[in-house]
PDB file of N, CA and C in Angstrom:
ATOM      1  N   MET A   1      24.648   8.976  -5.018  1.00  0.00           N
ATOM      2  CA  MET A   1      23.777   8.256  -4.223  1.00  0.00           C
ATOM      3  C   MET A   1      23.713   8.881  -2.874  1.00  0.00           C
ATOM      4  N   ALA A   2      22.494   9.002  -2.263  1.00  0.00           N
ATOM      5  CA  ALA A   2      22.364   9.518  -0.955  1.00  0.00           C
ATOM      6  C   ALA A   2      22.727   8.525   0.117  1.00  0.00           C
ATOM      7  N   THR A   3      22.921   8.969   1.328  1.00  0.00           N
ATOM      8  CA  THR A   3      23.170   7.997   2.430  1.00  0.00           C
ATOM      9  C   THR A   3      22.301   8.206   3.545  1.00  0.00           C
ATOM     10  N   PHE A   4      22.015   7.051   4.345  1.00  0.00           N
ATOM     11  CA  PHE A   4      21.157   7.198   5.462  1.00  0.00           C
ATOM     12  C   PHE A   4      21.977   6.693   6.658  1.00  0.00           C
ATOM     13  N   SER A   5      22.141   7.401   7.691  1.00  0.00           N
ATOM     14  CA  SER A   5      22.895   6.971   8.867  1.00  0.00           C
ATOM     15  C   SER A   5      22.016   6.356  10.001  1.00  0.00           C
ATOM     16  N   LEU A   6      22.395   5.208  10.421  1.00  0.00           N
ATOM     17  CA  LEU A   6      21.652   4.528  11.425  1.00  0.00           C
ATOM     18  C   LEU A   6      21.857   5.181  12.798  1.00  0.00           C
ATOM     19  N   GLY A   7      22.948   6.045  12.931  1.00  0.00           N
ATOM     20  CA  GLY A   7      23.211   6.644  14.211  1.00  0.00           C
ATOM     21  C   GLY A   7      23.499   5.486  15.260  1.00  0.00           C
ATOM     22  N   LYS A   8      22.873   5.536  16.334  1.00  0.00           N
ATOM     23  CA  LYS A   8      23.226   4.549  17.425  1.00  0.00           C
ATOM     24  C   LYS A   8      22.419   3.256  17.378  1.00  0.00           C
ATOM     25  N   PHE A   9      21.522   3.167  16.302  1.00  0.00           N
ATOM     26  CA  PHE A   9      20.729   1.947  16.097  1.00  0.00           C
ATOM     27  C   PHE A   9      21.395   0.859  15.168  1.00  0.00           C
ATOM     28  N   PRO A  10      21.181  -0.342  15.470  1.00  0.00           N
ATOM     29  CA  PRO A  10      21.770  -1.490  14.706  1.00  0.00           C
ATOM     30  C   PRO A  10      21.115  -1.688  13.312  1.00  0.00           C
ATOM     31  N   HIS A  11      19.826  -1.203  13.158  1.00  0.00           N
ATOM     32  CA  HIS A  11      19.117  -1.426  11.914  1.00  0.00           C
ATOM     33  C   HIS A  11      17.950  -0.493  11.828  1.00  0.00           C
ATOM     34  N   VAL A  12      17.323  -0.438  10.792  1.00  0.00           N
ATOM     35  CA  VAL A  12      16.055   0.328  10.481  1.00  0.00           C
ATOM     36  C   VAL A  12      15.267  -0.541   9.650  1.00  0.00           C
ATOM     37  N   GLU A  13      13.861  -0.615  10.029  1.00  0.00           N
ATOM     38  CA  GLU A  13      12.962  -1.508   9.202  1.00  0.00           C
ATOM     39  C   GLU A  13      12.732  -0.820   7.777  1.00  0.00           C
ATOM     40  N   LEU A  14      12.600  -1.586   6.831  1.00  0.00           N
ATOM     41  CA  LEU A  14      12.464  -1.052   5.441  1.00  0.00           C
ATOM     42  C   LEU A  14      11.324  -0.125   5.340  1.00  0.00           C
ATOM     43  N   CYS A  15      10.159  -0.436   5.908  1.00  0.00           N
ATOM     44  CA  CYS A  15       8.988   0.478   5.753  1.00  0.00           C
ATOM     45  C   CYS A  15       9.265   1.819   6.447  1.00  0.00           C
ATOM     46  N   ASP A  16      10.071   1.784   7.531  1.00  0.00           N
ATOM     47  CA  ASP A  16      10.366   3.054   8.285  1.00  0.00           C
ATOM     48  C   ASP A  16      11.383   3.852   7.443  1.00  0.00           C
ATOM     49  N   LEU A  17      12.323   3.189   6.695  1.00  0.00           N
ATOM     50  CA  LEU A  17      13.271   3.886   5.915  1.00  0.00           C
ATOM     51  C   LEU A  17      12.492   4.679   4.781  1.00  0.00           C
ATOM     52  N   LEU A  18      11.574   4.025   4.236  1.00  0.00           N
ATOM     53  CA  LEU A  18      10.903   4.635   3.130  1.00  0.00           C
ATOM     54  C   LEU A  18      10.153   5.931   3.570  1.00  0.00           C
ATOM     55  N   LYS A  19       9.566   5.943   4.838  1.00  0.00           N
ATOM     56  CA  LYS A  19       8.911   7.028   5.431  1.00  0.00           C
ATOM     57  C   LYS A  19       9.975   8.132   5.832  1.00  0.00           C
ATOM     58  N   LEU A  20      11.073   7.649   6.386  1.00  0.00           N
ATOM     59  CA  LEU A  20      11.981   8.692   6.932  1.00  0.00           C
ATOM     60  C   LEU A  20      12.644   9.412   5.738  1.00  0.00           C
ATOM     61  N   GLU A  21      12.840   8.805   4.620  1.00  0.00           N
ATOM     62  CA  GLU A  21      13.317   9.398   3.465  1.00  0.00           C
ATOM     63  C   GLU A  21      12.391  10.217   2.589  1.00  0.00           C
ATOM     64  N   GLY A  22      11.100  10.194   2.994  1.00  0.00           N
ATOM     65  CA  GLY A  22      10.141  10.907   2.364  1.00  0.00           C
ATOM     66  C   GLY A  22       9.657  10.241   1.009  1.00  0.00           C
ATOM     67  N   TRP A  23      10.055   8.947   0.864  1.00  0.00           N
ATOM     68  CA  TRP A  23       9.710   8.276  -0.306  1.00  0.00           C
ATOM     69  C   TRP A  23       8.207   7.688  -0.277  1.00  0.00           C
ATOM     70  N   ALA A  24       7.701   7.686   0.853  1.00  0.00           N
ATOM     71  CA  ALA A  24       6.337   7.224   1.142  1.00  0.00           C
ATOM     72  C   ALA A  24       5.669   8.220   2.228  1.00  0.00           C
ATOM     73  N   GLU A  25       4.542   8.660   1.988  1.00  0.00           N
ATOM     74  CA  GLU A  25       3.809   9.618   2.835  1.00  0.00           C
ATOM     75  C   GLU A  25       3.356   8.913   4.085  1.00  0.00           C
ATOM     76  N   SER A  26       3.068   7.567   4.085  1.00  0.00           N
ATOM     77  CA  SER A  26       2.615   7.013   5.267  1.00  0.00           C
ATOM     78  C   SER A  26       3.192   5.601   5.446  1.00  0.00           C
ATOM     79  N   GLY A  27       3.018   4.973   6.533  1.00  0.00           N
ATOM     80  CA  GLY A  27       3.376   3.624   6.751  1.00  0.00           C
ATOM     81  C   GLY A  27       2.641   2.649   5.890  1.00  0.00           C
ATOM     82  N   ALA A  28       1.423   2.982   5.783  1.00  0.00           N
ATOM     83  CA  ALA A  28       0.588   2.130   4.862  1.00  0.00           C
ATOM     84  C   ALA A  28       0.906   2.214   3.423  1.00  0.00           C
ATOM     85  N   GLN A  29       1.341   3.409   2.897  1.00  0.00           N
ATOM     86  CA  GLN A  29       1.788   3.509   1.571  1.00  0.00           C
ATOM     87  C   GLN A  29       3.091   2.791   1.356  1.00  0.00           C
ATOM     88  N   ALA A  30       3.973   2.997   2.339  1.00  0.00           N
ATOM     89  CA  ALA A  30       5.345   2.278   2.299  1.00  0.00           C
ATOM     90  C   ALA A  30       5.146   0.760   2.272  1.00  0.00           C
ATOM     91  N   LYS A  31       4.332   0.274   3.098  1.00  0.00           N
ATOM     92  CA  LYS A  31       4.019  -1.203   3.172  1.00  0.00           C
ATOM     93  C   LYS A  31       3.451  -1.731   1.744  1.00  0.00           C
ATOM     94  N   ALA A  32       2.608  -0.901   1.201  1.00  0.00           N
ATOM     95  CA  ALA A  32       2.012  -1.241  -0.043  1.00  0.00           C
ATOM     96  C   ALA A  32       3.004  -1.321  -1.172  1.00  0.00           C
ATOM     97  N   CYS A  33       3.904  -0.314  -1.199  1.00  0.00           N
ATOM     98  CA  CYS A  33       4.924  -0.277  -2.245  1.00  0.00           C
ATOM     99  C   CYS A  33       5.831  -1.476  -2.046  1.00  0.00           C
ATOM    100  N   ILE A  34       6.180  -1.843  -0.816  1.00  0.00           N
ATOM    101  CA  ILE A  34       7.083  -3.031  -0.623  1.00  0.00           C
ATOM    102  C   ILE A  34       6.396  -4.299  -1.057  1.00  0.00           C
ATOM    103  N   ALA A  35       5.062  -4.403  -0.539  1.00  0.00           N
ATOM    104  CA  ALA A  35       4.320  -5.616  -0.934  1.00  0.00           C
ATOM    105  C   ALA A  35       4.062  -5.762  -2.480  1.00  0.00           C
ATOM    106  N   ASP A  36       4.056  -4.658  -3.116  1.00  0.00           N
ATOM    107  CA  ASP A  36       3.869  -4.818  -4.617  1.00  0.00           C
ATOM    108  C   ASP A  36       5.242  -4.965  -5.308  1.00  0.00           C
ATOM    109  N   GLY A  37       6.288  -5.171  -4.581  1.00  0.00           N
ATOM    110  CA  GLY A  37       7.587  -5.520  -5.285  1.00  0.00           C
ATOM    111  C   GLY A  37       8.357  -4.353  -5.904  1.00  0.00           C
ATOM    112  N   LEU A  38       7.998  -3.110  -5.437  1.00  0.00           N
ATOM    113  CA  LEU A  38       8.608  -1.872  -5.929  1.00  0.00           C
ATOM    114  C   LEU A  38       9.955  -1.534  -5.280  1.00  0.00           C
ATOM    115  N   VAL A  39      10.417  -2.210  -4.235  1.00  0.00           N
ATOM    116  CA  VAL A  39      11.552  -1.854  -3.527  1.00  0.00           C
ATOM    117  C   VAL A  39      12.661  -3.009  -3.718  1.00  0.00           C
ATOM    118  N   ALA A  40      13.897  -2.538  -3.916  1.00  0.00           N
ATOM    119  CA  ALA A  40      14.953  -3.510  -3.961  1.00  0.00           C
ATOM    120  C   ALA A  40      16.031  -3.232  -2.895  1.00  0.00           C
ATOM    121  N   VAL A  41      16.553  -4.262  -2.368  1.00  0.00           N
ATOM    122  CA  VAL A  41      17.507  -4.207  -1.352  1.00  0.00           C
ATOM    123  C   VAL A  41      18.773  -4.957  -1.873  1.00  0.00           C
ATOM    124  N   ASP A  42      19.970  -4.244  -2.016  1.00  0.00           N
ATOM    125  CA  ASP A  42      21.138  -4.981  -2.641  1.00  0.00           C
ATOM    126  C   ASP A  42      20.791  -5.605  -3.947  1.00  0.00           C
ATOM    127  N   GLY A  43      19.978  -4.951  -4.785  1.00  0.00           N
ATOM    128  CA  GLY A  43      19.774  -5.489  -6.137  1.00  0.00           C
ATOM    129  C   GLY A  43      18.709  -6.593  -6.184  1.00  0.00           C
ATOM    130  N   GLN A  44      18.089  -6.938  -5.098  1.00  0.00           N
ATOM    131  CA  GLN A  44      17.005  -7.919  -5.179  1.00  0.00           C
ATOM    132  C   GLN A  44      15.729  -7.405  -4.614  1.00  0.00           C
ATOM    133  N   ILE A  45      14.605  -7.755  -5.294  1.00  0.00           N
ATOM    134  CA  ILE A  45      13.299  -7.264  -4.949  1.00  0.00           C
ATOM    135  C   ILE A  45      12.981  -7.765  -3.455  1.00  0.00           C
ATOM    136  N   GLU A  46      12.602  -6.807  -2.533  1.00  0.00           N
ATOM    137  CA  GLU A  46      12.348  -7.197  -1.092  1.00  0.00           C
ATOM    138  C   GLU A  46      10.855  -6.970  -0.843  1.00  0.00           C
ATOM    139  N   THR A  47      10.131  -8.042  -0.393  1.00  0.00           N
ATOM    140  CA  THR A  47       8.699  -7.898  -0.177  1.00  0.00           C
ATOM    141  C   THR A  47       8.372  -8.059   1.356  1.00  0.00           C
ATOM    142  N   ARG A  48       9.525  -8.076   2.265  1.00  0.00           N
ATOM    143  CA  ARG A  48       9.214  -8.152   3.765  1.00  0.00           C
ATOM    144  C   ARG A  48       9.189  -6.801   4.165  1.00  0.00           C
ATOM    145  N   LYS A  49       7.951  -6.339   4.621  1.00  0.00           N
ATOM    146  CA  LYS A  49       7.796  -4.966   5.055  1.00  0.00           C
ATOM    147  C   LYS A  49       8.721  -4.473   6.267  1.00  0.00           C
ATOM    148  N   ARG A  50       8.976  -5.325   7.164  1.00  0.00           N
ATOM    149  CA  ARG A  50       9.795  -5.033   8.297  1.00  0.00           C
ATOM    150  C   ARG A  50      11.232  -5.610   8.146  1.00  0.00           C
ATOM    151  N   CYS A  51      11.631  -5.841   6.946  1.00  0.00           N
ATOM    152  CA  CYS A  51      13.054  -6.381   6.765  1.00  0.00           C
ATOM    153  C   CYS A  51      13.932  -5.336   7.452  1.00  0.00           C
ATOM    154  N   LYS A  52      14.900  -5.932   8.157  1.00  0.00           N
ATOM    155  CA  LYS A  52      15.947  -5.101   8.865  1.00  0.00           C
ATOM    156  C   LYS A  52      17.073  -4.732   7.980  1.00  0.00           C
ATOM    157  N   ILE A  53      17.145  -3.454   7.827  1.00  0.00           N
ATOM    158  CA  ILE A  53      18.216  -2.885   6.918  1.00  0.00           C
ATOM    159  C   ILE A  53      19.373  -2.449   7.770  1.00  0.00           C
ATOM    160  N   VAL A  54      20.582  -2.975   7.438  1.00  0.00           N
ATOM    161  CA  VAL A  54      21.712  -2.734   8.216  1.00  0.00           C
ATOM    162  C   VAL A  54      22.774  -1.989   7.404  1.00  0.00           C
ATOM    163  N   SER A  55      23.768  -1.530   8.129  1.00  0.00           N
ATOM    164  CA  SER A  55      24.868  -0.705   7.506  1.00  0.00           C
ATOM    165  C   SER A  55      25.495  -1.562   6.323  1.00  0.00           C
ATOM    166  N   GLY A  56      25.752  -0.906   5.190  1.00  0.00           N
ATOM    167  CA  GLY A  56      26.390  -1.521   4.031  1.00  0.00           C
ATOM    168  C   GLY A  56      25.349  -1.926   2.985  1.00  0.00           C
ATOM    169  N   GLN A  57      24.035  -1.876   3.292  1.00  0.00           N
ATOM    170  CA  GLN A  57      23.069  -2.264   2.338  1.00  0.00           C
ATOM    171  C   GLN A  57      22.656  -1.065   1.524  1.00  0.00           C
ATOM    172  N   THR A  58      22.061  -1.266   0.295  1.00  0.00           N
ATOM    173  CA  THR A  58      21.621  -0.206  -0.620  1.00  0.00           C
ATOM    174  C   THR A  58      20.107  -0.536  -0.897  1.00  0.00           C
ATOM    175  N   VAL A  59      19.306   0.486  -0.760  1.00  0.00           N
ATOM    176  CA  VAL A  59      17.929   0.381  -0.995  1.00  0.00           C
ATOM    177  C   VAL A  59      17.580   1.225  -2.201  1.00  0.00           C
ATOM    178  N   VAL A  60      16.801   0.658  -3.162  1.00  0.00           N
ATOM    179  CA  VAL A  60      16.390   1.369  -4.358  1.00  0.00           C
ATOM    180  C   VAL A  60      14.797   1.405  -4.545  1.00  0.00           C
ATOM    181  N   PHE A  61      14.471   2.640  -4.658  1.00  0.00           N
ATOM    182  CA  PHE A  61      12.879   2.683  -4.840  1.00  0.00           C
ATOM    183  C   PHE A  61      12.541   3.891  -5.777  1.00  0.00           C
ATOM    184  N   ALA A  62      11.768   3.675  -6.782  1.00  0.00           N
ATOM    185  CA  ALA A  62      11.313   4.709  -7.814  1.00  0.00           C
ATOM    186  C   ALA A  62      12.456   5.493  -8.314  1.00  0.00           C
ATOM    187  N   GLY A  63      13.473   4.803  -8.754  1.00  0.00           N
ATOM    188  CA  GLY A  63      14.649   5.479  -9.384  1.00  0.00           C
ATOM    189  C   GLY A  63      15.607   6.196  -8.447  1.00  0.00           C
ATOM    190  N   GLN A  64      15.309   6.002  -7.178  1.00  0.00           N
ATOM    191  CA  GLN A  64      16.093   6.736  -6.135  1.00  0.00           C
ATOM    192  C   GLN A  64      16.813   5.577  -5.353  1.00  0.00           C
ATOM    193  N   SER A  65      18.097   5.833  -4.984  1.00  0.00           N
ATOM    194  CA  SER A  65      18.835   4.866  -4.242  1.00  0.00           C
ATOM    195  C   SER A  65      19.451   5.478  -3.010  1.00  0.00           C
ATOM    196  N   ILE A  66      19.703   4.705  -1.926  1.00  0.00           N
ATOM    197  CA  ILE A  66      20.322   5.179  -0.669  1.00  0.00           C
ATOM    198  C   ILE A  66      21.103   4.118  -0.095  1.00  0.00           C
ATOM    199  N   SER A  67      22.283   4.573   0.309  1.00  0.00           N
ATOM    200  CA  SER A  67      23.279   3.584   1.018  1.00  0.00           C
ATOM    201  C   SER A  67      23.137   3.804   2.467  1.00  0.00           C
ATOM    202  N   VAL A  68      22.964   2.753   3.168  1.00  0.00           N
ATOM    203  CA  VAL A  68      22.909   2.807   4.602  1.00  0.00           C
ATOM    204  C   VAL A  68      24.292   2.737   5.243  1.00  0.00           C
ATOM    205  N   ILE A  69      24.581   3.691   6.176  1.00  0.00           N
ATOM    206  CA  ILE A  69      25.923   3.778   6.728  1.00  0.00           C
ATOM    207  C   ILE A  69      25.675   3.702   8.325  1.00  0.00           C
ATOM    208  N   PRO A  70      26.751   3.273   8.995  1.00  0.00           N
ATOM    209  CA  PRO A  70      26.668   3.123  10.633  1.00  0.00           C
ATOM    210  C   PRO A  70      26.246   4.508  11.189  1.00  0.00           C
TER     211      PRO A  70
END
């Protein structure tokens, strides 16, 4: 499983995480995937595009998963 470091930030928005990881080519594509129920956070489908992802959470999309670390 890959990891994503928040660095000095307390959270990252879900749509931004998909873009930063290269899982979506644009913000619009990321938001569409989230709205379509294709993204899970900690095992639950997440449809809030700007859901705040914090350290300790796991995001799964299209067979890929990432663990968020501080």
